[in-house]
């Protein structure tokens, strides 16, 4: 059964970000580093955090992927933040899929997403976004099974 999905329009987003190669297990650490940089720069940002995968839509490589961690900003920053950049994500029509559970298992959801795109005759028209809606709270007894990640793929009808 494919993950819950819908086609919707997402608005443009201005965000602070850091781009690097990382494994699935490095994503939390990268968000922690970005959080520290945003605080050092006194930037006001909001939830949820966003990740961007570049290139064609595919099952993520567990050990190495070009990835961009981002926090949406509340306002335009007045200064540069060393080690981070300001990014403008464009608005887009996306196919949206929900992954529930540990982030390390997101590859299984991507397999179903790729099947859905083929079966419904869509192709990607931009880079894939991952929106992190629920992350486990270390002191609340939450677990990674509670994680909720939305995969957003900009789409167009297949040729």
C-alpha atoms as a PDB file:
ATOM      1  CA  UNK A   1       0.000   0.000   0.000  1.00  0.00           C
ATOM      2  CA  UNK A   2       1.498   3.385  -0.989  1.00  0.00           C
ATOM      3  CA  UNK A   3       2.025   6.030   1.698  1.00  0.00           C
ATOM      4  CA  UNK A   4      -0.763   8.596   2.051  1.00  0.00           C
ATOM      5  CA  UNK A   5      -0.412  11.105  -0.749  1.00  0.00           C
ATOM      6  CA  UNK A   6      -1.945  14.201  -2.270  1.00  0.00           C
ATOM      7  CA  UNK A   7      -1.082  16.721  -4.945  1.00  0.00           C
ATOM      8  CA  UNK A   8      -0.835  20.261  -3.594  1.00  0.00           C
ATOM      9  CA  UNK A   9       0.854  23.621  -4.053  1.00  0.00           C
ATOM     10  CA  UNK A  10       3.618  24.644  -1.646  1.00  0.00           C
ATOM     11  CA  UNK A  11       4.556  28.291  -1.187  1.00  0.00           C
ATOM     12  CA  UNK A  12       8.056  29.726  -1.633  1.00  0.00           C
ATOM     13  CA  UNK A  13      10.256  29.609   1.475  1.00  0.00           C
ATOM     14  CA  UNK A  14      13.273  31.677   2.569  1.00  0.00           C
ATOM     15  CA  UNK A  15      15.479  29.599   4.868  1.00  0.00           C
ATOM     16  CA  UNK A  16      18.881  29.351   6.500  1.00  0.00           C
ATOM     17  CA  UNK A  17      20.715  26.229   5.420  1.00  0.00           C
ATOM     18  CA  UNK A  18      23.831  24.118   5.263  1.00  0.00           C
ATOM     19  CA  UNK A  19      24.565  21.849   2.309  1.00  0.00           C
ATOM     20  CA  UNK A  20      26.867  18.824   2.488  1.00  0.00           C
ATOM     21  CA  UNK A  21      27.243  15.131   1.780  1.00  0.00           C
ATOM     22  CA  UNK A  22      25.882  12.997   4.587  1.00  0.00           C
ATOM     23  CA  UNK A  23      24.468   9.612   5.488  1.00  0.00           C
ATOM     24  CA  UNK A  24      20.922   9.024   6.736  1.00  0.00           C
ATOM     25  CA  UNK A  25      22.355   8.846  10.256  1.00  0.00           C
ATOM     26  CA  UNK A  26      24.024  12.280   9.964  1.00  0.00           C
ATOM     27  CA  UNK A  27      20.844  14.285   9.324  1.00  0.00           C
ATOM     28  CA  UNK A  28      20.042  14.885  13.027  1.00  0.00           C
ATOM     29  CA  UNK A  29      23.600  16.064  13.694  1.00  0.00           C
ATOM     30  CA  UNK A  30      23.472  18.435  10.699  1.00  0.00           C
ATOM     31  CA  UNK A  31      20.220  19.972  11.966  1.00  0.00           C
ATOM     32  CA  UNK A  32      21.836  20.412  15.390  1.00  0.00           C
ATOM     33  CA  UNK A  33      24.767  22.287  13.821  1.00  0.00           C
ATOM     34  CA  UNK A  34      22.418  24.464  11.776  1.00  0.00           C
ATOM     35  CA  UNK A  35      20.357  25.224  14.891  1.00  0.00           C
ATOM     36  CA  UNK A  36      23.505  26.442  16.668  1.00  0.00           C
ATOM     37  CA  UNK A  37      24.492  28.629  13.705  1.00  0.00           C
ATOM     38  CA  UNK A  38      21.009  30.167  13.482  1.00  0.00           C
ATOM     39  CA  UNK A  39      21.103  31.007  17.198  1.00  0.00           C
ATOM     40  CA  UNK A  40      24.613  32.473  16.904  1.00  0.00           C
ATOM     41  CA  UNK A  41      23.353  34.663  14.056  1.00  0.00           C
ATOM     42  CA  UNK A  42      20.287  35.648  16.113  1.00  0.00           C
ATOM     43  CA  UNK A  43      17.980  34.527  13.325  1.00  0.00           C
ATOM     44  CA  UNK A  44      14.315  33.895  13.995  1.00  0.00           C
ATOM     45  CA  UNK A  45      13.235  30.664  12.346  1.00  0.00           C
ATOM     46  CA  UNK A  46      10.202  28.409  12.549  1.00  0.00           C
ATOM     47  CA  UNK A  47       9.276  24.770  12.380  1.00  0.00           C
ATOM     48  CA  UNK A  48       9.094  22.468  10.584  1.00  0.00           C
ATOM     49  CA  UNK A  49      12.655  21.876   9.424  1.00  0.00           C
ATOM     50  CA  UNK A  50      13.187  21.005   5.766  1.00  0.00           C
ATOM     51  CA  UNK A  51      15.696  18.812   3.964  1.00  0.00           C
ATOM     52  CA  UNK A  52      16.367  18.994   0.222  1.00  0.00           C
ATOM     53  CA  UNK A  53      17.733  16.144  -1.898  1.00  0.00           C
ATOM     54  CA  UNK A  54      19.297  17.205  -5.182  1.00  0.00           C
ATOM     55  CA  UNK A  55      19.172  15.462  -8.534  1.00  0.00           C
ATOM     56  CA  UNK A  56      16.755  12.893  -9.844  1.00  0.00           C
ATOM     57  CA  UNK A  57      14.234  11.291  -7.509  1.00  0.00           C
ATOM     58  CA  UNK A  58      15.618   7.967  -6.330  1.00  0.00           C
ATOM     59  CA  UNK A  59      15.873   5.795  -3.251  1.00  0.00           C
ATOM     60  CA  UNK A  60      18.330   7.667  -0.995  1.00  0.00           C
ATOM     61  CA  UNK A  61      21.788   6.192  -0.578  1.00  0.00           C
ATOM     62  CA  UNK A  62      21.996   5.364   3.122  1.00  0.00           C
ATOM     63  CA  UNK A  63      25.690   6.200   3.313  1.00  0.00           C
ATOM     64  CA  UNK A  64      26.162   9.292   1.178  1.00  0.00           C
ATOM     65  CA  UNK A  65      23.802  11.856  -0.259  1.00  0.00           C
ATOM     66  CA  UNK A  66      24.065  15.509  -1.205  1.00  0.00           C
ATOM     67  CA  UNK A  67      21.626  17.038   1.254  1.00  0.00           C
ATOM     68  CA  UNK A  68      20.597  20.508   2.379  1.00  0.00           C
ATOM     69  CA  UNK A  69      19.270  21.018   5.926  1.00  0.00           C
ATOM     70  CA  UNK A  70      17.092  24.132   6.274  1.00  0.00           C
ATOM     71  CA  UNK A  71      15.120  26.121   8.838  1.00  0.00           C
ATOM     72  CA  UNK A  72      12.468  28.466   7.380  1.00  0.00           C
ATOM     73  CA  UNK A  73      13.057  32.060   8.455  1.00  0.00           C
ATOM     74  CA  UNK A  74      10.461  34.381   9.989  1.00  0.00           C
ATOM     75  CA  UNK A  75      12.088  37.446   8.468  1.00  0.00           C
ATOM     76  CA  UNK A  76      14.843  38.424   6.067  1.00  0.00           C
ATOM     77  CA  UNK A  77      18.180  38.219   7.903  1.00  0.00           C
ATOM     78  CA  UNK A  78      20.135  41.424   8.360  1.00  0.00           C
ATOM     79  CA  UNK A  79      23.534  39.720   8.383  1.00  0.00           C
ATOM     80  CA  UNK A  80      25.452  36.743   7.071  1.00  0.00           C
ATOM     81  CA  UNK A  81      25.952  33.673   9.228  1.00  0.00           C
ATOM     82  CA  UNK A  82      29.403  32.054   8.786  1.00  0.00           C
ATOM     83  CA  UNK A  83      29.115  28.420   7.701  1.00  0.00           C
ATOM     84  CA  UNK A  84      25.476  28.802   6.602  1.00  0.00           C
ATOM     85  CA  UNK A  85      23.659  30.323   3.655  1.00  0.00           C
ATOM     86  CA  UNK A  86      20.304  31.916   2.957  1.00  0.00           C
ATOM     87  CA  UNK A  87      18.263  29.883   0.481  1.00  0.00           C
ATOM     88  CA  UNK A  88      15.115  30.721  -1.496  1.00  0.00           C
ATOM     89  CA  UNK A  89      13.060  27.600  -2.192  1.00  0.00           C
ATOM     90  CA  UNK A  90      10.567  28.233  -5.001  1.00  0.00           C
ATOM     91  CA  UNK A  91       6.892  27.445  -4.733  1.00  0.00           C
ATOM     92  CA  UNK A  92       5.784  24.369  -6.661  1.00  0.00           C
ATOM     93  CA  UNK A  93       3.041  21.879  -7.352  1.00  0.00           C
ATOM     94  CA  UNK A  94       4.141  18.735  -5.517  1.00  0.00           C
ATOM     95  CA  UNK A  95       3.140  15.162  -4.955  1.00  0.00           C
ATOM     96  CA  UNK A  96       3.182  14.831  -1.175  1.00  0.00           C
ATOM     97  CA  UNK A  97       3.797  11.539   0.640  1.00  0.00           C
ATOM     98  CA  UNK A  98       3.943  10.799   4.362  1.00  0.00           C
ATOM     99  CA  UNK A  99       6.664   8.654   5.914  1.00  0.00           C
ATOM    100  CA  UNK A 100       5.959   7.511   9.463  1.00  0.00           C
ATOM    101  CA  UNK A 101       8.700   5.913  11.503  1.00  0.00           C
ATOM    102  CA  UNK A 102      12.481   6.103  11.821  1.00  0.00           C
ATOM    103  CA  UNK A 103      14.186   8.295   9.247  1.00  0.00           C
ATOM    104  CA  UNK A 104      16.582   5.441   8.497  1.00  0.00           C
ATOM    105  CA  UNK A 105      13.612   3.568   6.968  1.00  0.00           C
ATOM    106  CA  UNK A 106      12.675   6.377   4.565  1.00  0.00           C
ATOM    107  CA  UNK A 107      14.196   4.378   1.702  1.00  0.00           C
ATOM    108  CA  UNK A 108      11.191   2.007   1.821  1.00  0.00           C
ATOM    109  CA  UNK A 109       8.804   4.941   1.419  1.00  0.00           C
ATOM    110  CA  UNK A 110      10.828   6.280  -1.521  1.00  0.00           C
ATOM    111  CA  UNK A 111      10.440   2.916  -3.282  1.00  0.00           C
ATOM    112  CA  UNK A 112       6.649   3.258  -3.014  1.00  0.00           C
ATOM    113  CA  UNK A 113       6.818   6.922  -4.105  1.00  0.00           C
ATOM    114  CA  UNK A 114       8.743   5.968  -7.257  1.00  0.00           C
ATOM    115  CA  UNK A 115       6.148   3.293  -8.033  1.00  0.00           C
ATOM    116  CA  UNK A 116       3.321   5.821  -7.534  1.00  0.00           C
ATOM    117  CA  UNK A 117       4.966   8.350  -9.875  1.00  0.00           C
ATOM    118  CA  UNK A 118       5.373   5.718 -12.627  1.00  0.00           C
ATOM    119  CA  UNK A 119       1.863   4.298 -12.204  1.00  0.00           C
ATOM    120  CA  UNK A 120       0.267   7.752 -12.265  1.00  0.00           C
ATOM    121  CA  UNK A 121       2.407   9.052 -15.145  1.00  0.00           C
ATOM    122  CA  UNK A 122       4.204  11.886 -13.379  1.00  0.00           C
ATOM    123  CA  UNK A 123       7.846  12.901 -13.429  1.00  0.00           C
ATOM    124  CA  UNK A 124       9.843  15.101 -11.117  1.00  0.00           C
ATOM    125  CA  UNK A 125      10.285  18.730 -12.124  1.00  0.00           C
ATOM    126  CA  UNK A 126      12.627  19.806  -9.332  1.00  0.00           C
ATOM    127  CA  UNK A 127      14.494  18.758  -6.224  1.00  0.00           C
ATOM    128  CA  UNK A 128      12.824  16.646  -3.542  1.00  0.00           C
ATOM    129  CA  UNK A 129      11.971  18.233  -0.196  1.00  0.00           C
ATOM    130  CA  UNK A 130      11.547  16.423   3.105  1.00  0.00           C
ATOM    131  CA  UNK A 131       9.552  18.261   5.764  1.00  0.00           C
ATOM    132  CA  UNK A 132      10.130  17.061   9.333  1.00  0.00           C
ATOM    133  CA  UNK A 133       6.819  17.442  11.177  1.00  0.00           C
ATOM    134  CA  UNK A 134       7.385  15.196  14.189  1.00  0.00           C
ATOM    135  CA  UNK A 135      10.714  14.231  15.713  1.00  0.00           C
ATOM    136  CA  UNK A 136      11.050  12.284  18.956  1.00  0.00           C
ATOM    137  CA  UNK A 137      11.609  14.335  22.084  1.00  0.00           C
ATOM    138  CA  UNK A 138      14.504  12.716  23.973  1.00  0.00           C
ATOM    139  CA  UNK A 139      13.049  13.421  27.431  1.00  0.00           C
ATOM    140  CA  UNK A 140       9.369  12.789  26.704  1.00  0.00           C
ATOM    141  CA  UNK A 141       9.593   9.053  26.120  1.00  0.00           C
ATOM    142  CA  UNK A 142       8.913   9.489  22.393  1.00  0.00           C
ATOM    143  CA  UNK A 143      10.494   7.056  19.985  1.00  0.00           C
ATOM    144  CA  UNK A 144      11.582   7.178  16.376  1.00  0.00           C
ATOM    145  CA  UNK A 145       8.424   5.226  15.548  1.00  0.00           C
ATOM    146  CA  UNK A 146       6.584   8.518  16.203  1.00  0.00           C
ATOM    147  CA  UNK A 147       8.536  10.424  13.524  1.00  0.00           C
ATOM    148  CA  UNK A 148       6.523  11.991  10.712  1.00  0.00           C
ATOM    149  CA  UNK A 149       8.267  13.185   7.541  1.00  0.00           C
ATOM    150  CA  UNK A 150       6.525  14.552   4.454  1.00  0.00           C
ATOM    151  CA  UNK A 151       8.245  13.879   1.127  1.00  0.00           C
ATOM    152  CA  UNK A 152       7.402  16.592  -1.435  1.00  0.00           C
ATOM    153  CA  UNK A 153       8.305  15.997  -5.070  1.00  0.00           C
ATOM    154  CA  UNK A 154       7.714  18.811  -7.601  1.00  0.00           C
ATOM    155  CA  UNK A 155       5.852  17.148 -10.478  1.00  0.00           C
ATOM    156  CA  UNK A 156       4.642  17.514 -14.056  1.00  0.00           C
ATOM    157  CA  UNK A 157       2.813  15.027 -16.265  1.00  0.00           C
ATOM    158  CA  UNK A 158       5.178  12.523 -17.887  1.00  0.00           C
ATOM    159  CA  UNK A 159       5.913  13.133 -21.551  1.00  0.00           C
END
